[in-house]
Amino acid sequence: MPPVLVAMCVCRRVPFASLLPLARAGGWGLDQLVAATGCGGACGLCRPYLRRMLVTGETEFRELLREDVAE
C-alpha cells in the first residue's frame, strides 16, 4: 500500500497549512473553524485531522485518522 498523505480538506480544497494560521489568529476551536471556513462541515472526513492540527500544529498527516463514534 502506498504511503498516505492527508494535507487538506478535500470538500473545500483548502490546505490545512492555510487553515492553521487563521485558527491561531482567531483563537478558534474546531467549531469556530468549521463555522468560519466550512472545512469539516460537509463530509466530515477532515474533522479528526483538523482537531489534531489545532492541538499539535501539524498540517500534514501520514496516517488515517477517524472520529470516535462517542464524540
Protein backbone atom coordinates (compact mmCIF):
# COMPACT_ATOMS: atom_id res chain seq x y z
CA MET A 1 0.00 0.00 0.00
CA PRO A 2 1.42 3.45 -0.89
CA PRO A 3 2.09 5.93 1.91
CA VAL A 4 -0.75 8.18 2.96
CA LEU A 5 -0.54 11.97 2.93
CA VAL A 6 -3.52 13.95 4.15
CA ALA A 7 -2.91 17.70 3.95
CA MET A 8 -6.22 19.36 3.09
CA CYS A 9 -9.96 19.46 3.39
CA VAL A 10 -11.00 17.60 0.25
CA CYS A 11 -14.52 19.04 0.07
CA ARG A 12 -13.35 22.66 0.20
CA ARG A 13 -9.89 22.05 -1.35
CA VAL A 14 -8.25 24.08 1.42
CA PRO A 15 -4.83 23.01 2.72
CA PHE A 16 -4.51 22.58 6.47
CA ALA A 17 -1.42 24.81 6.25
CA SER A 18 -3.76 27.66 5.22
CA LEU A 19 -6.26 26.91 7.98
CA LEU A 20 -3.84 26.77 10.90
CA PRO A 21 -2.80 30.45 10.81
CA LEU A 22 -6.45 31.51 10.54
CA ALA A 23 -7.39 29.37 13.54
CA ARG A 24 -4.46 30.61 15.59
CA ALA A 25 -5.08 34.28 14.74
CA GLY A 26 -8.77 33.94 15.58
CA GLY A 27 -8.25 31.79 18.67
CA TRP A 28 -10.64 29.30 17.11
CA GLY A 29 -11.51 25.83 18.31
CA LEU A 30 -12.88 23.21 15.95
CA ASP A 31 -16.46 24.52 15.96
CA GLN A 32 -15.34 28.06 15.14
CA LEU A 33 -13.02 26.81 12.38
CA VAL A 34 -15.83 24.80 10.80
CA ALA A 35 -18.25 27.74 11.04
CA ALA A 36 -15.80 30.24 9.56
CA THR A 37 -14.37 28.11 6.73
CA GLY A 38 -16.84 25.31 6.06
CA CYS A 39 -13.96 22.84 6.36
CA GLY A 40 -15.06 19.80 8.32
CA GLY A 41 -18.70 20.70 7.81
CA ALA A 42 -19.56 18.71 4.69
CA CYS A 43 -18.40 15.08 4.60
CA GLY A 44 -16.56 15.44 7.93
CA LEU A 45 -13.60 13.26 6.97
CA CYS A 46 -11.13 16.03 7.79
CA ARG A 47 -12.54 16.71 11.27
CA PRO A 48 -10.10 14.40 13.11
CA TYR A 49 -7.21 16.00 11.20
CA LEU A 50 -8.45 19.49 11.99
CA ARG A 51 -8.82 18.53 15.64
CA ARG A 52 -5.24 17.23 15.79
CA MET A 53 -3.96 20.24 13.81
CA LEU A 54 -5.43 22.60 16.40
CA VAL A 55 -3.76 20.70 19.24
CA THR A 56 -0.36 19.90 17.72
CA GLY A 57 0.16 22.40 14.90
CA GLU A 58 0.65 19.56 12.40
CA THR A 59 -0.65 20.28 8.90
CA GLU A 60 0.37 17.05 7.13
CA PHE A 61 -0.62 13.61 8.32
CA ARG A 62 0.79 10.28 7.21
CA GLU A 63 -1.83 8.13 8.87
CA LEU A 64 -5.54 7.70 8.50
CA LEU A 65 -7.49 9.19 11.39
CA ARG A 66 -11.15 8.79 12.19
CA GLU A 67 -13.59 10.36 14.58
CA ASP A 68 -14.61 8.40 17.64
CA VAL A 69 -18.24 7.41 17.43
CA ALA A 70 -18.74 8.58 21.03
CA GLU A 71 -17.83 12.19 20.24
